[in-house]
């Protein structure tokens, strides 16, 4: 294994991690921002009003993006195992 291979592998692993977490994080961010604006406008300071919609948005994003996430993860795993036998000696 060379240093370039290890660096490339870690770069790809971080890229896949960011890609897989982005839909849920963005859904939580958008819903959290909308709830915060709503709370500011109406002067309602209820903690569950901020927490429950974010939880539902993250769960919905997970359900919607799950097939794409699994395909991305399977593709990364296949590439990892395909390249592994070349570097193991």
PDB file of N, CA and C in Angstrom:
ATOM      1  N   UNK A   1       0.836  -1.180   0.000  1.00  0.00           N
ATOM      2  CA  UNK A   1       0.000   0.000   0.000  1.00  0.00           C
ATOM      3  C   UNK A   1       0.881   1.243   0.000  1.00  0.00           C
ATOM      4  N   UNK A   2       0.545   2.145  -0.850  1.00  0.00           N
ATOM      5  CA  UNK A   2       1.303   3.384  -0.918  1.00  0.00           C
ATOM      6  C   UNK A   2       0.567   4.472  -0.152  1.00  0.00           C
ATOM      7  N   UNK A   3       1.274   5.537   0.088  1.00  0.00           N
ATOM      8  CA  UNK A   3       0.666   6.671   0.796  1.00  0.00           C
ATOM      9  C   UNK A   3      -0.430   7.313  -0.045  1.00  0.00           C
ATOM     10  N   UNK A   4      -0.247   7.298  -1.367  1.00  0.00           N
ATOM     11  CA  UNK A   4      -1.280   7.857  -2.249  1.00  0.00           C
ATOM     12  C   UNK A   4      -2.564   7.044  -2.184  1.00  0.00           C
ATOM     13  N   UNK A   5      -2.435   5.739  -2.123  1.00  0.00           N
ATOM     14  CA  UNK A   5      -3.621   4.882  -2.031  1.00  0.00           C
ATOM     15  C   UNK A   5      -4.366   5.131  -0.726  1.00  0.00           C
ATOM     16  N   UNK A   6      -3.648   5.210   0.369  1.00  0.00           N
ATOM     17  CA  UNK A   6      -4.277   5.422   1.673  1.00  0.00           C
ATOM     18  C   UNK A   6      -4.937   6.798   1.725  1.00  0.00           C
ATOM     19  N   UNK A   7      -4.260   7.810   1.217  1.00  0.00           N
ATOM     20  CA  UNK A   7      -4.838   9.153   1.191  1.00  0.00           C
ATOM     21  C   UNK A   7      -6.092   9.184   0.323  1.00  0.00           C
ATOM     22  N   UNK A   8      -6.042   8.547  -0.828  1.00  0.00           N
ATOM     23  CA  UNK A   8      -7.205   8.488  -1.707  1.00  0.00           C
ATOM     24  C   UNK A   8      -8.363   7.739  -1.083  1.00  0.00           C
ATOM     25  N   UNK A   9      -8.044   6.642  -0.390  1.00  0.00           N
ATOM     26  CA  UNK A   9      -9.086   5.866   0.266  1.00  0.00           C
ATOM     27  C   UNK A   9      -9.781   6.686   1.345  1.00  0.00           C
ATOM     28  N   UNK A  10      -9.006   7.381   2.174  1.00  0.00           N
ATOM     29  CA  UNK A  10      -9.602   8.188   3.225  1.00  0.00           C
ATOM     30  C   UNK A  10     -10.386   9.366   2.656  1.00  0.00           C
ATOM     31  N   UNK A  11      -9.893   9.936   1.565  1.00  0.00           N
ATOM     32  CA  UNK A  11     -10.636  11.015   0.912  1.00  0.00           C
ATOM     33  C   UNK A  11     -11.985  10.509   0.419  1.00  0.00           C
ATOM     34  N   UNK A  12     -11.995   9.351  -0.236  1.00  0.00           N
ATOM     35  CA  UNK A  12     -13.257   8.774  -0.717  1.00  0.00           C
ATOM     36  C   UNK A  12     -14.188   8.415   0.437  1.00  0.00           C
ATOM     37  N   UNK A  13     -13.642   7.899   1.534  1.00  0.00           N
ATOM     38  CA  UNK A  13     -14.460   7.543   2.692  1.00  0.00           C
ATOM     39  C   UNK A  13     -15.110   8.783   3.303  1.00  0.00           C
ATOM     40  N   UNK A  14     -14.380   9.864   3.410  1.00  0.00           N
ATOM     41  CA  UNK A  14     -14.940  11.105   3.945  1.00  0.00           C
ATOM     42  C   UNK A  14     -15.977  11.670   2.992  1.00  0.00           C
ATOM     43  N   UNK A  15     -15.707  11.594   1.690  1.00  0.00           N
ATOM     44  CA  UNK A  15     -16.664  12.087   0.698  1.00  0.00           C
ATOM     45  C   UNK A  15     -17.975  11.304   0.764  1.00  0.00           C
ATOM     46  N   UNK A  16     -17.892   9.989   0.877  1.00  0.00           N
ATOM     47  CA  UNK A  16     -19.094   9.163   0.973  1.00  0.00           C
ATOM     48  C   UNK A  16     -19.838   9.467   2.270  1.00  0.00           C
ATOM     49  N   UNK A  17     -19.116   9.649   3.360  1.00  0.00           N
ATOM     50  CA  UNK A  17     -19.749   9.979   4.634  1.00  0.00           C
ATOM     51  C   UNK A  17     -20.509  11.293   4.549  1.00  0.00           C
ATOM     52  N   UNK A  18     -19.906  12.296   3.942  1.00  0.00           N
ATOM     53  CA  UNK A  18     -20.584  13.586   3.787  1.00  0.00           C
ATOM     54  C   UNK A  18     -21.791  13.477   2.871  1.00  0.00           C
ATOM     55  N   UNK A  19     -21.656  12.710   1.793  1.00  0.00           N
ATOM     56  CA  UNK A  19     -22.785  12.526   0.881  1.00  0.00           C
ATOM     57  C   UNK A  19     -23.952  11.810   1.558  1.00  0.00           C
ATOM     58  N   UNK A  20     -23.646  10.823   2.375  1.00  0.00           N
ATOM     59  CA  UNK A  20     -24.704  10.053   3.017  1.00  0.00           C
ATOM     60  C   UNK A  20     -25.389  10.836   4.138  1.00  0.00           C
ATOM     61  N   UNK A  21     -24.676  11.720   4.794  1.00  0.00           N
ATOM     62  CA  UNK A  21     -25.277  12.463   5.897  1.00  0.00           C
ATOM     63  C   UNK A  21     -25.940  13.762   5.448  1.00  0.00           C
ATOM     64  N   UNK A  22     -25.616  14.248   4.270  1.00  0.00           N
ATOM     65  CA  UNK A  22     -26.115  15.545   3.813  1.00  0.00           C
ATOM     66  C   UNK A  22     -27.642  15.645   3.731  1.00  0.00           C
ATOM     67  N   UNK A  23     -28.365  14.660   3.187  1.00  0.00           N
ATOM     68  CA  UNK A  23     -29.825  14.838   3.094  1.00  0.00           C
ATOM     69  C   UNK A  23     -30.500  15.018   4.448  1.00  0.00           C
ATOM     70  N   UNK A  24     -30.113  14.237   5.441  1.00  0.00           N
ATOM     71  CA  UNK A  24     -30.737  14.369   6.752  1.00  0.00           C
ATOM     72  C   UNK A  24     -30.336  15.685   7.433  1.00  0.00           C
ATOM     73  N   UNK A  25     -29.068  16.056   7.301  1.00  0.00           N
ATOM     74  CA  UNK A  25     -28.626  17.303   7.919  1.00  0.00           C
ATOM     75  C   UNK A  25     -29.294  18.518   7.283  1.00  0.00           C
ATOM     76  N   UNK A  26     -29.421  18.502   5.961  1.00  0.00           N
ATOM     77  CA  UNK A  26     -30.069  19.624   5.282  1.00  0.00           C
ATOM     78  C   UNK A  26     -31.554  19.696   5.609  1.00  0.00           C
ATOM     79  N   UNK A  27     -32.219  18.553   5.702  1.00  0.00           N
ATOM     80  CA  UNK A  27     -33.641  18.554   6.068  1.00  0.00           C
ATOM     81  C   UNK A  27     -33.821  19.108   7.475  1.00  0.00           C
ATOM     82  N   UNK A  28     -32.998  18.689   8.409  1.00  0.00           N
ATOM     83  CA  UNK A  28     -33.077  19.217   9.771  1.00  0.00           C
ATOM     84  C   UNK A  28     -32.770  20.704   9.829  1.00  0.00           C
ATOM     85  N   UNK A  29     -31.815  21.145   9.023  1.00  0.00           N
ATOM     86  CA  UNK A  29     -31.450  22.557   8.990  1.00  0.00           C
ATOM     87  C   UNK A  29     -32.590  23.413   8.459  1.00  0.00           C
ATOM     88  N   UNK A  30     -33.182  22.999   7.347  1.00  0.00           N
ATOM     89  CA  UNK A  30     -34.264  23.773   6.734  1.00  0.00           C
ATOM     90  C   UNK A  30     -35.476  23.822   7.654  1.00  0.00           C
ATOM     91  N   UNK A  31     -35.880  22.679   8.188  1.00  0.00           N
ATOM     92  CA  UNK A  31     -37.043  22.655   9.080  1.00  0.00           C
ATOM     93  C   UNK A  31     -36.751  23.434  10.356  1.00  0.00           C
ATOM     94  N   UNK A  32     -35.572  23.317  10.903  1.00  0.00           N
ATOM     95  CA  UNK A  32     -35.209  24.080  12.089  1.00  0.00           C
ATOM     96  C   UNK A  32     -35.252  25.578  11.850  1.00  0.00           C
ATOM     97  N   UNK A  33     -34.786  25.997  10.677  1.00  0.00           N
ATOM     98  CA  UNK A  33     -34.828  27.414  10.328  1.00  0.00           C
ATOM     99  C   UNK A  33     -36.267  27.899  10.181  1.00  0.00           C
ATOM    100  N   UNK A  34     -37.102  27.105   9.507  1.00  0.00           N
ATOM    101  CA  UNK A  34     -38.504  27.490   9.348  1.00  0.00           C
ATOM    102  C   UNK A  34     -39.235  27.545  10.690  1.00  0.00           C
ATOM    103  N   UNK A  35     -38.981  26.590  11.560  1.00  0.00           N
ATOM    104  CA  UNK A  35     -39.612  26.592  12.883  1.00  0.00           C
ATOM    105  C   UNK A  35     -39.117  27.774  13.701  1.00  0.00           C
ATOM    106  N   UNK A  36     -37.852  28.099  13.614  1.00  0.00           N
ATOM    107  CA  UNK A  36     -37.310  29.251  14.351  1.00  0.00           C
ATOM    108  C   UNK A  36     -37.942  30.553  13.873  1.00  0.00           C
ATOM    109  N   UNK A  37     -38.107  30.683  12.564  1.00  0.00           N
ATOM    110  CA  UNK A  37     -38.770  31.881  12.034  1.00  0.00           C
ATOM    111  C   UNK A  37     -40.211  31.936  12.522  1.00  0.00           C
ATOM    112  N   UNK A  38     -40.898  30.808  12.490  1.00  0.00           N
ATOM    113  CA  UNK A  38     -42.276  30.746  12.973  1.00  0.00           C
ATOM    114  C   UNK A  38     -42.360  31.113  14.449  1.00  0.00           C
ATOM    115  N   UNK A  39     -41.435  30.603  15.253  1.00  0.00           N
ATOM    116  CA  UNK A  39     -41.433  30.912  16.679  1.00  0.00           C
ATOM    117  C   UNK A  39     -41.125  32.391  16.933  1.00  0.00           C
ATOM    118  N   UNK A  40     -40.257  32.964  16.131  1.00  0.00           N
ATOM    119  CA  UNK A  40     -39.934  34.386  16.299  1.00  0.00           C
ATOM    120  C   UNK A  40     -41.127  35.262  15.945  1.00  0.00           C
ATOM    121  N   UNK A  41     -41.820  34.898  14.890  1.00  0.00           N
ATOM    122  CA  UNK A  41     -42.960  35.698  14.447  1.00  0.00           C
ATOM    123  C   UNK A  41     -44.110  35.604  15.440  1.00  0.00           C
ATOM    124  N   UNK A  42     -44.368  34.416  15.973  1.00  0.00           N
ATOM    125  CA  UNK A  42     -45.523  34.217  16.851  1.00  0.00           C
ATOM    126  C   UNK A  42     -45.182  34.317  18.334  1.00  0.00           C
ATOM    127  N   UNK A  43     -43.922  34.472  18.680  1.00  0.00           N
ATOM    128  CA  UNK A  43     -43.461  34.545  20.081  1.00  0.00           C
ATOM    129  C   UNK A  43     -43.827  33.302  20.884  1.00  0.00           C
ATOM    130  N   UNK A  44     -43.840  32.166  20.231  1.00  0.00           N
ATOM    131  CA  UNK A  44     -44.069  30.886  20.912  1.00  0.00           C
ATOM    132  C   UNK A  44     -42.703  30.273  21.200  1.00  0.00           C
ATOM    133  N   UNK A  45     -42.426  29.986  22.461  1.00  0.00           N
ATOM    134  CA  UNK A  45     -41.139  29.412  22.841  1.00  0.00           C
ATOM    135  C   UNK A  45     -41.323  28.020  23.426  1.00  0.00           C
ATOM    136  N   UNK A  46     -41.840  27.142  22.646  1.00  0.00           N
ATOM    137  CA  UNK A  46     -42.063  25.758  23.077  1.00  0.00           C
ATOM    138  C   UNK A  46     -40.946  24.890  22.504  1.00  0.00           C
ATOM    139  N   UNK A  47     -40.249  24.143  23.360  1.00  0.00           N
ATOM    140  CA  UNK A  47     -39.114  23.339  22.912  1.00  0.00           C
ATOM    141  C   UNK A  47     -39.546  22.187  21.999  1.00  0.00           C
ATOM    142  N   UNK A  48     -40.692  21.579  22.301  1.00  0.00           N
ATOM    143  CA  UNK A  48     -41.130  20.447  21.466  1.00  0.00           C
ATOM    144  C   UNK A  48     -41.525  20.905  20.079  1.00  0.00           C
ATOM    145  N   UNK A  49     -41.914  22.165  19.945  1.00  0.00           N
ATOM    146  CA  UNK A  49     -42.254  22.689  18.628  1.00  0.00           C
ATOM    147  C   UNK A  49     -41.031  22.718  17.718  1.00  0.00           C
ATOM    148  N   UNK A  50     -39.856  22.880  18.284  1.00  0.00           N
ATOM    149  CA  UNK A  50     -38.629  22.883  17.483  1.00  0.00           C
ATOM    150  C   UNK A  50     -38.087  21.476  17.278  1.00  0.00           C
ATOM    151  N   UNK A  51     -38.297  20.600  18.233  1.00  0.00           N
ATOM    152  CA  UNK A  51     -37.667  19.279  18.193  1.00  0.00           C
ATOM    153  C   UNK A  51     -38.428  18.286  17.329  1.00  0.00           C
ATOM    154  N   UNK A  52     -39.724  18.192  17.499  1.00  0.00           N
ATOM    155  CA  UNK A  52     -40.512  17.167  16.808  1.00  0.00           C
ATOM    156  C   UNK A  52     -40.528  17.364  15.294  1.00  0.00           C
ATOM    157  N   UNK A  53     -40.733  18.579  14.756  1.00  0.00           N
ATOM    158  CA  UNK A  53     -40.679  18.717  13.292  1.00  0.00           C
ATOM    159  C   UNK A  53     -39.315  18.350  12.698  1.00  0.00           C
ATOM    160  N   UNK A  54     -38.241  18.670  13.425  1.00  0.00           N
ATOM    161  CA  UNK A  54     -36.910  18.297  12.929  1.00  0.00           C
ATOM    162  C   UNK A  54     -36.745  16.786  12.898  1.00  0.00           C
ATOM    163  N   UNK A  55     -37.233  16.127  13.940  1.00  0.00           N
ATOM    164  CA  UNK A  55     -37.164  14.665  13.976  1.00  0.00           C
ATOM    165  C   UNK A  55     -37.940  14.052  12.816  1.00  0.00           C
ATOM    166  N   UNK A  56     -39.125  14.566  12.560  1.00  0.00           N
ATOM    167  CA  UNK A  56     -39.946  14.051  11.463  1.00  0.00           C
ATOM    168  C   UNK A  56     -39.302  14.331  10.102  1.00  0.00           C
ATOM    169  N   UNK A  57     -38.705  15.498   9.953  1.00  0.00           N
ATOM    170  CA  UNK A  57     -38.053  15.834   8.683  1.00  0.00           C
ATOM    171  C   UNK A  57     -36.849  14.937   8.422  1.00  0.00           C
ATOM    172  N   UNK A  58     -36.071  14.662   9.454  1.00  0.00           N
ATOM    173  CA  UNK A  58     -34.916  13.778   9.296  1.00  0.00           C
ATOM    174  C   UNK A  58     -35.370  12.365   8.967  1.00  0.00           C
ATOM    175  N   UNK A  59     -36.430  11.896   9.623  1.00  0.00           N
ATOM    176  CA  UNK A  59     -36.947  10.557   9.334  1.00  0.00           C
ATOM    177  C   UNK A  59     -37.494  10.479   7.911  1.00  0.00           C
ATOM    178  N   UNK A  60     -38.193  11.521   7.468  1.00  0.00           N
ATOM    179  CA  UNK A  60     -38.723  11.543   6.106  1.00  0.00           C
ATOM    180  C   UNK A  60     -37.590  11.577   5.081  1.00  0.00           C
ATOM    181  N   UNK A  61     -36.557  12.368   5.354  1.00  0.00           N
ATOM    182  CA  UNK A  61     -35.401  12.418   4.449  1.00  0.00           C
ATOM    183  C   UNK A  61     -34.713  11.058   4.388  1.00  0.00           C
ATOM    184  N   UNK A  62     -34.631  10.375   5.509  1.00  0.00           N
ATOM    185  CA  UNK A  62     -34.021   9.039   5.525  1.00  0.00           C
ATOM    186  C   UNK A  62     -34.833   8.067   4.684  1.00  0.00           C
ATOM    187  N   UNK A  63     -36.151   8.113   4.801  1.00  0.00           N
ATOM    188  CA  UNK A  63     -37.007   7.221   4.018  1.00  0.00           C
ATOM    189  C   UNK A  63     -36.897   7.530   2.525  1.00  0.00           C
ATOM    190  N   UNK A  64     -36.905   8.820   2.176  1.00  0.00           N
ATOM    191  CA  UNK A  64     -36.873   9.208   0.760  1.00  0.00           C
ATOM    192  C   UNK A  64     -35.525   8.895   0.121  1.00  0.00           C
ATOM    193  N   UNK A  65     -34.436   9.182   0.821  1.00  0.00           N
ATOM    194  CA  UNK A  65     -33.101   9.036   0.240  1.00  0.00           C
ATOM    195  C   UNK A  65     -32.443   7.689   0.530  1.00  0.00           C
ATOM    196  N   UNK A  66     -33.118   6.795   1.242  1.00  0.00           N
ATOM    197  CA  UNK A  66     -32.511   5.526   1.617  1.00  0.00           C
ATOM    198  C   UNK A  66     -32.050   4.682   0.419  1.00  0.00           C
ATOM    199  N   UNK A  67     -32.845   4.542  -0.661  1.00  0.00           N
ATOM    200  CA  UNK A  67     -32.340   3.745  -1.792  1.00  0.00           C
ATOM    201  C   UNK A  67     -31.055   4.320  -2.396  1.00  0.00           C
ATOM    202  N   UNK A  68     -30.998   5.638  -2.548  1.00  0.00           N
ATOM    203  CA  UNK A  68     -29.790   6.262  -3.083  1.00  0.00           C
ATOM    204  C   UNK A  68     -28.612   6.082  -2.128  1.00  0.00           C
ATOM    205  N   UNK A  69     -28.877   6.215  -0.828  1.00  0.00           N
ATOM    206  CA  UNK A  69     -27.818   6.057   0.156  1.00  0.00           C
ATOM    207  C   UNK A  69     -27.270   4.635   0.140  1.00  0.00           C
ATOM    208  N   UNK A  70     -28.141   3.648   0.058  1.00  0.00           N
ATOM    209  CA  UNK A  70     -27.680   2.260   0.028  1.00  0.00           C
ATOM    210  C   UNK A  70     -26.887   1.975  -1.242  1.00  0.00           C
ATOM    211  N   UNK A  71     -27.335   2.511  -2.385  1.00  0.00           N
ATOM    212  CA  UNK A  71     -26.600   2.302  -3.632  1.00  0.00           C
ATOM    213  C   UNK A  71     -25.213   2.926  -3.550  1.00  0.00           C
ATOM    214  N   UNK A  72     -25.116   4.107  -2.970  1.00  0.00           N
ATOM    215  CA  UNK A  72     -23.821   4.772  -2.806  1.00  0.00           C
ATOM    216  C   UNK A  72     -22.909   3.970  -1.892  1.00  0.00           C
ATOM    217  N   UNK A  73     -23.453   3.475  -0.791  1.00  0.00           N
ATOM    218  CA  UNK A  73     -22.660   2.702   0.159  1.00  0.00           C
ATOM    219  C   UNK A  73     -22.227   1.363  -0.428  1.00  0.00           C
ATOM    220  N   UNK A  74     -23.111   0.712  -1.159  1.00  0.00           N
ATOM    221  CA  UNK A  74     -22.767  -0.568  -1.790  1.00  0.00           C
ATOM    222  C   UNK A  74     -21.696  -0.354  -2.859  1.00  0.00           C
ATOM    223  N   UNK A  75     -21.827   0.711  -3.629  1.00  0.00           N
ATOM    224  CA  UNK A  75     -20.825   1.007  -4.660  1.00  0.00           C
ATOM    225  C   UNK A  75     -19.448   1.263  -4.034  1.00  0.00           C
ATOM    226  N   UNK A  76     -19.412   2.030  -2.952  1.00  0.00           N
ATOM    227  CA  UNK A  76     -18.142   2.298  -2.271  1.00  0.00           C
ATOM    228  C   UNK A  76     -17.548   1.005  -1.720  1.00  0.00           C
ATOM    229  N   UNK A  77     -18.380   0.159  -1.135  1.00  0.00           N
ATOM    230  CA  UNK A  77     -17.901  -1.102  -0.566  1.00  0.00           C
ATOM    231  C   UNK A  77     -17.372  -2.027  -1.649  1.00  0.00           C
ATOM    232  N   UNK A  78     -18.081  -2.099  -2.782  1.00  0.00           N
ATOM    233  CA  UNK A  78     -17.613  -2.930  -3.897  1.00  0.00           C
ATOM    234  C   UNK A  78     -16.270  -2.446  -4.416  1.00  0.00           C
ATOM    235  N   UNK A  79     -16.111  -1.138  -4.548  1.00  0.00           N
ATOM    236  CA  UNK A  79     -14.831  -0.589  -5.005  1.00  0.00           C
ATOM    237  C   UNK A  79     -13.725  -0.872  -4.008  1.00  0.00           C
ATOM    238  N   UNK A  80     -14.051  -0.807  -2.738  1.00  0.00           N
ATOM    239  CA  UNK A  80     -13.058  -1.058  -1.703  1.00  0.00           C
ATOM    240  C   UNK A  80     -12.594  -2.512  -1.757  1.00  0.00           C
ATOM    241  N   UNK A  81     -13.542  -3.445  -1.839  1.00  0.00           N
ATOM    242  CA  UNK A  81     -13.165  -4.857  -1.880  1.00  0.00           C
ATOM    243  C   UNK A  81     -12.502  -5.238  -3.201  1.00  0.00           C
ATOM    244  N   UNK A  82     -12.893  -4.599  -4.304  1.00  0.00           N
ATOM    245  CA  UNK A  82     -12.271  -4.897  -5.596  1.00  0.00           C
ATOM    246  C   UNK A  82     -10.812  -4.457  -5.615  1.00  0.00           C
ATOM    247  N   UNK A  83     -10.501  -3.336  -4.994  1.00  0.00           N
ATOM    248  CA  UNK A  83      -9.134  -2.842  -4.966  1.00  0.00           C
ATOM    249  C   UNK A  83      -8.286  -3.454  -3.874  1.00  0.00           C
ATOM    250  N   UNK A  84      -8.910  -4.140  -2.952  1.00  0.00           N
ATOM    251  CA  UNK A  84      -8.174  -4.667  -1.802  1.00  0.00           C
ATOM    252  C   UNK A  84      -7.224  -5.800  -2.201  1.00  0.00           C
ATOM    253  N   UNK A  85      -7.673  -6.705  -3.048  1.00  0.00           N
ATOM    254  CA  UNK A  85      -6.818  -7.836  -3.395  1.00  0.00           C
ATOM    255  C   UNK A  85      -5.589  -7.417  -4.211  1.00  0.00           C
ATOM    256  N   UNK A  86      -5.662  -6.270  -4.827  1.00  0.00           N
ATOM    257  CA  UNK A  86      -4.522  -5.752  -5.583  1.00  0.00           C
ATOM    258  C   UNK A  86      -3.405  -5.271  -4.656  1.00  0.00           C
ATOM    259  N   UNK A  87      -3.779  -4.787  -3.477  1.00  0.00           N
ATOM    260  CA  UNK A  87      -2.793  -4.203  -2.572  1.00  0.00           C
ATOM    261  C   UNK A  87      -2.386  -5.116  -1.432  1.00  0.00           C
ATOM    262  N   UNK A  88      -3.098  -6.210  -1.225  1.00  0.00           N
ATOM    263  CA  UNK A  88      -2.719  -7.153  -0.168  1.00  0.00           C
ATOM    264  C   UNK A  88      -1.699  -8.130  -0.725  1.00  0.00           C
ATOM    265  N   UNK A  89      -0.583  -8.300  -0.017  1.00  0.00           N
ATOM    266  CA  UNK A  89       0.447  -9.237  -0.483  1.00  0.00           C
ATOM    267  C   UNK A  89       0.993  -9.992   0.667  1.00  0.00           C
TER     268      UNK A  89
END
